[in-house]
Protein backbone atom coordinates (compact mmCIF):
# COMPACT_ATOMS: atom_id res chain seq x y z
CA MET A 1 170.40 32.36 38.60
CA ARG A 2 166.25 32.09 38.95
CA LEU A 3 164.68 28.74 38.84
CA ILE A 4 162.07 28.91 35.91
CA LEU A 5 158.95 26.57 36.46
CA VAL A 6 156.71 26.46 33.60
CA PHE A 7 153.27 25.40 34.74
CA LEU A 8 151.44 23.22 32.17
CA PHE A 9 147.97 22.28 33.52
CA GLY A 10 145.51 22.05 36.64
CA LEU A 11 144.10 18.93 38.53
CA SER A 12 141.00 18.66 35.93
CA ILE A 13 140.69 14.95 34.83
CA SER A 14 137.19 13.47 35.17
CA LEU A 15 136.36 9.97 36.49
CA HIS A 16 136.83 8.22 33.33
CA SER A 17 139.19 10.61 31.43
CA ASP A 18 142.62 9.09 30.06
CA THR A 19 145.66 10.59 29.18
CA ILE A 20 148.20 9.80 26.54
CA PHE A 21 151.48 11.12 26.33
CA THR A 22 153.72 11.12 22.89
CA MET A 23 157.48 11.13 22.88
CA ARG A 24 157.64 14.82 21.60
CA GLY A 25 155.70 15.99 24.62
CA GLY A 26 152.31 15.88 23.34
CA LYS A 27 149.03 15.29 25.35
CA PHE A 28 145.75 14.06 24.72
CA GLU A 29 142.95 13.23 26.85
CA GLY A 30 140.08 11.03 26.15
CA SER A 31 139.40 7.22 26.53
CA LEU A 32 141.79 4.21 25.82
CA VAL A 33 140.19 1.87 23.45
CA VAL A 34 142.94 -0.88 22.54
CA ILE A 35 146.40 -1.39 22.55
CA ASP A 36 148.14 -3.92 20.53
CA LYS A 37 151.59 -4.75 19.04
CA GLU A 38 151.43 -1.93 16.42
CA VAL A 39 148.94 0.68 17.37
CA VAL A 40 147.19 2.60 20.51
CA VAL A 41 143.36 3.43 19.64
CA PHE A 42 142.19 6.35 21.50
CA LYS A 43 138.80 8.02 21.71
CA THR A 44 139.09 11.96 22.12
CA ALA A 45 136.18 15.00 21.95
CA GLN A 46 137.10 15.22 18.56
CA GLY A 47 136.94 11.66 17.37
CA GLN A 48 138.70 8.51 17.41
CA LYS A 49 142.74 8.29 17.03
CA GLU A 50 145.41 5.85 16.21
CA PHE A 51 148.89 6.45 17.42
CA SER A 52 151.85 4.34 16.31
CA ARG A 53 153.47 2.38 19.38
CA GLU A 54 156.72 4.00 18.55
CA VAL A 55 155.52 7.57 19.39
CA VAL A 56 153.74 6.70 22.48
CA ASN A 57 155.55 7.31 25.70
CA SER A 58 152.80 6.46 28.42
CA ILE A 59 149.10 6.28 29.19
CA MET A 60 147.50 7.52 32.61
CA LEU A 61 144.43 6.16 33.41
CA ASN A 62 141.48 7.91 35.49
CA GLU A 63 143.56 9.68 38.14
CA PRO A 64 146.39 12.32 37.88
CA PHE A 65 148.85 10.42 39.90
CA HIS A 66 150.52 7.04 39.59
CA THR A 67 151.57 4.01 41.69
CA PRO A 68 155.22 2.79 42.56
CA SER A 69 157.35 1.18 40.11
CA THR A 70 161.10 0.56 40.02
CA GLU A 71 161.10 0.58 36.00
CA SER A 72 164.14 3.20 35.13
CA LYS A 73 164.06 5.91 32.67
CA ALA A 74 165.53 5.00 28.99
CA THR A 75 168.08 7.47 27.72
CA SER A 76 168.87 6.45 24.55
CA GLY A 77 168.50 3.40 21.98
CA THR A 78 165.38 2.09 20.47
CA PRO A 79 162.59 0.87 22.58
CA LYS A 80 161.70 -2.84 22.52
CA LYS A 81 158.70 -3.78 21.04
CA GLU A 82 157.40 -5.44 24.01
CA LYS A 83 153.93 -5.63 25.88
CA PRO A 84 153.25 -2.67 27.89
CA LEU A 85 153.62 -2.03 31.37
CA VAL A 86 150.30 -2.25 33.12
CA ILE A 87 150.34 -0.71 36.71
CA MET A 88 147.70 -1.74 39.11
CA ARG A 89 146.54 0.30 42.04
CA ASP A 90 148.00 -2.14 44.74
CA GLY A 91 151.23 -1.51 43.13
CA THR A 92 151.23 -5.21 41.14
CA ARG A 93 152.83 -4.87 37.51
CA ILE A 94 151.65 -6.78 34.64
CA ARG A 95 153.16 -7.00 31.06
CA ALA A 96 150.23 -7.07 28.75
CA ASN A 97 148.37 -5.81 25.58
CA ILE A 98 145.24 -3.93 26.20
CA ILE A 99 142.62 -5.41 23.80
CA GLY A 100 139.45 -3.89 25.18
CA ALA A 101 138.39 -0.83 27.61
CA SER A 102 134.99 0.35 28.65
CA LYS A 103 133.96 2.84 31.50
CA LYS A 104 133.84 -0.35 33.87
CA TRP A 105 136.49 -2.85 32.23
CA ILE A 106 139.51 -3.28 30.99
CA GLU A 107 140.47 -6.41 29.35
CA LEU A 108 144.39 -7.62 28.90
CA GLU A 109 146.29 -10.24 27.25
CA THR A 110 149.16 -11.56 28.95
CA ASP A 111 151.67 -14.38 28.17
CA TYR A 112 149.21 -16.59 30.33
CA GLY A 113 146.00 -15.51 28.42
CA LYS A 114 143.17 -13.15 28.69
CA ALA A 115 142.37 -11.68 31.94
CA ARG A 116 139.76 -8.69 32.54
CA TYR A 117 140.13 -6.14 35.84
CA LYS A 118 137.89 -3.40 36.84
CA ARG A 119 138.87 -0.15 35.26
CA ASP A 120 139.18 1.40 39.13
CA GLU A 121 141.99 -1.22 39.54
CA VAL A 122 144.44 -0.08 37.02
CA MET A 123 146.16 3.16 37.42
CA PHE A 124 148.62 3.38 34.51
CA VAL A 125 150.16 1.78 31.16
CA ASP A 126 153.71 2.81 30.74
CA THR A 127 154.64 1.79 27.06
CA TYR A 128 158.18 1.76 27.00
CA ASN A 129 159.19 2.11 30.51
CA ARG A 130 160.68 5.76 29.54
CA SER A 131 159.56 7.07 32.86
CA GLN A 132 159.99 7.48 36.41
CA LEU A 133 157.33 6.14 38.68
CA GLY A 134 156.86 6.27 42.33
CA PHE A 135 155.88 7.76 45.65
CA LEU A 136 157.33 9.47 48.45
CA ASP A 137 156.03 9.73 51.91
CA ILE A 138 156.47 13.38 53.68
CA ASP A 139 156.37 13.13 57.68
CA ALA A 140 154.88 16.39 58.85
CA LYS A 141 157.69 16.67 61.76
CA THR A 142 160.42 16.88 58.94
CA PRO A 143 161.33 20.38 57.37
CA TRP A 144 162.82 18.97 54.22
CA ILE A 145 163.12 15.73 53.05
CA LYS A 146 165.82 14.49 50.17
CA THR A 147 164.01 12.60 47.41
CA PRO A 148 166.02 10.18 45.26
CA LEU A 149 165.22 12.38 42.23
CA VAL A 150 167.72 14.26 40.43
CA LEU A 151 166.23 16.60 37.85
CA LYS A 152 167.87 17.83 34.87
CA TYR A 153 167.56 20.16 32.11
CA GLY A 154 164.53 19.33 30.19
CA ASP A 155 163.09 16.81 32.53
CA ARG A 156 159.17 17.11 33.28
CA ILE A 157 157.86 16.12 36.76
CA GLU A 158 154.36 15.84 37.79
CA ILE A 159 153.44 15.60 41.31
CA ALA A 160 150.15 14.97 43.17
CA ALA A 161 149.71 14.53 46.80
CA ILE A 162 147.12 13.22 49.28
CA GLY A 163 147.14 12.55 52.75
CA SER A 164 146.65 15.18 56.01
CA ILE A 165 148.73 16.33 58.51
CA LYS A 166 147.95 18.68 61.70
CA THR A 167 150.30 21.40 62.65
CA ASP A 168 148.73 22.16 65.85
CA PRO A 169 148.00 18.60 67.85
CA HIS A 170 145.61 20.39 70.23
CA ALA A 171 143.07 21.62 67.61
CA ASP A 172 140.63 19.01 67.13
CA GLU A 173 139.51 20.19 64.04
CA GLU A 174 142.25 21.64 62.15
CA ILE A 175 143.26 19.18 59.30
CA VAL A 176 145.59 20.20 57.30
CA GLU A 177 145.83 18.92 53.37
CA PRO A 178 148.67 19.47 50.69
CA GLU A 179 147.52 22.88 49.73
CA GLY A 180 148.04 24.31 53.21
CA ILE A 181 145.38 26.04 55.48
CA LEU A 182 144.82 29.89 55.64
CA ASP A 183 145.53 31.10 59.08
CA GLY A 184 147.62 34.15 58.25
CA VAL A 185 150.88 34.89 56.48
CA SER A 186 154.07 34.91 57.78
CA ARG A 187 157.75 35.73 56.64
CA GLU A 188 158.84 33.24 58.93
CA LEU A 189 157.67 30.19 57.17
CA PRO A 190 159.92 28.56 54.46
CA LEU A 191 157.43 29.84 51.71
CA PRO A 192 155.80 33.02 53.13
CA SER A 193 153.46 33.19 49.80
CA SER A 194 151.71 30.07 50.14
CA TRP A 195 149.35 28.70 53.06
CA HIS A 196 150.46 27.30 56.36
CA GLY A 197 151.16 23.56 56.27
CA ALA A 198 151.31 22.88 52.68
CA LEU A 199 153.71 20.84 50.63
CA ILE A 200 156.19 22.55 49.25
CA GLY A 201 159.45 21.81 47.39
CA ARG A 202 162.96 23.12 45.98
CA ILE A 203 165.83 21.80 43.77
CA GLY A 204 169.20 21.61 45.71
CA GLU A 205 170.35 22.49 49.11
CA LYS A 206 169.90 26.07 48.52
CA GLY A 207 167.26 26.18 45.93
CA THR A 208 164.08 28.71 45.87
CA PRO A 209 160.99 27.04 47.50
CA PHE A 210 158.01 26.48 45.46
CA LEU A 211 154.56 25.36 46.31
CA ILE A 212 153.67 21.92 45.07
CA GLY A 213 150.40 21.56 46.78
CA SER A 214 147.78 18.80 46.04
CA TYR A 215 149.08 18.81 42.24
CA LEU A 216 152.14 20.28 40.04
CA LYS A 217 153.40 19.67 36.80
CA ILE A 218 156.50 21.57 35.64
CA ILE A 219 159.31 21.50 33.10
CA ILE A 220 163.15 22.33 34.23
CA MET A 221 164.09 25.00 31.74
CA ASP A 222 166.95 26.29 33.62
CA LYS A 223 170.11 24.02 33.33
CA SER A 224 171.84 25.91 36.04
CA GLN A 225 169.07 24.73 38.12
CA GLU A 226 169.64 21.14 37.86
CA GLY A 227 169.88 18.93 40.99
CA GLN A 228 168.40 16.82 43.68
CA LEU A 229 164.73 17.57 44.34
CA PHE A 230 163.59 18.10 48.14
CA VAL A 231 160.07 18.34 49.58
CA GLY A 232 158.70 19.57 52.74
CA ILE A 233 156.42 21.08 55.05
CA ASN A 234 155.78 24.97 55.07
CA ASP A 235 155.72 25.14 58.72
CA TYR A 236 157.52 27.15 61.33
CA PRO A 237 160.96 24.62 62.01
CA GLU A 238 160.84 25.39 65.53
CA PHE A 239 157.17 24.03 65.93
CA MET A 240 157.42 21.09 63.58
CA LYS A 241 158.10 18.53 66.40
CA ASP A 242 154.69 17.87 67.54
CA ASN A 243 153.32 17.77 64.27
CA ILE A 244 151.05 14.62 63.18
CA GLY A 245 150.85 12.80 59.97
CA PHE A 246 152.10 12.70 56.35
CA PHE A 247 151.45 13.56 52.99
CA ARG A 248 152.04 11.03 49.93
CA ALA A 249 153.27 12.57 46.89
CA HIS A 250 153.03 10.33 43.95
CA TYR A 251 155.53 11.44 41.03
CA PHE A 252 156.24 10.90 37.25
CA VAL A 253 159.19 12.05 35.58
CA TRP A 254 159.93 11.52 31.87
């Protein structure tokens, strides 16, 4: 059967915009104010909202992609009432309540006391560790890379990619970003409908390739298409050995 991918939204998060995800799949954009033991306070364009900790899955700060984490996805049981996991841009993970937030600062309350961090130092708040966070490096020389992600029916996956490659090492100015470069369309490419050098994916060894580009969010809606996620470069396999560079794809699965 054909893989069904549901595209939810594009890359349109402003500098200080945060996103809150609920357990039922809800999504609200605005600014985080406070997280304590019972509630999450969030300011949106429609006014200030309070969410019970039990209904909040995770909170994304500032950017549409996430830093590495080894936290595993919970599949059953009641979440523990523990402090949120605050993930810093350098990969540091801190258990802390957020007691204050502004455009410049995030104030945390940890087991060792209060701490203040610049907002740009904080990437993500995972309230109950229900998600899988991490990143993948995709070498431009490799046609397909088998990732550790096994996607199942109902899974939502968000991928954001950065970095640049060169598919022609002799072209001084031909820098290719994850969206690819328009230099003609060829049926010989793994995904002929997308630009040359773009970041692409497929589910399973024989899955149909699809475009990831710089940002993609999908839901797996076809149970027959569960399987391992592969990522690769939309380039001619016979000419990939002299490619230079890599893409880094940050992922978030819940």
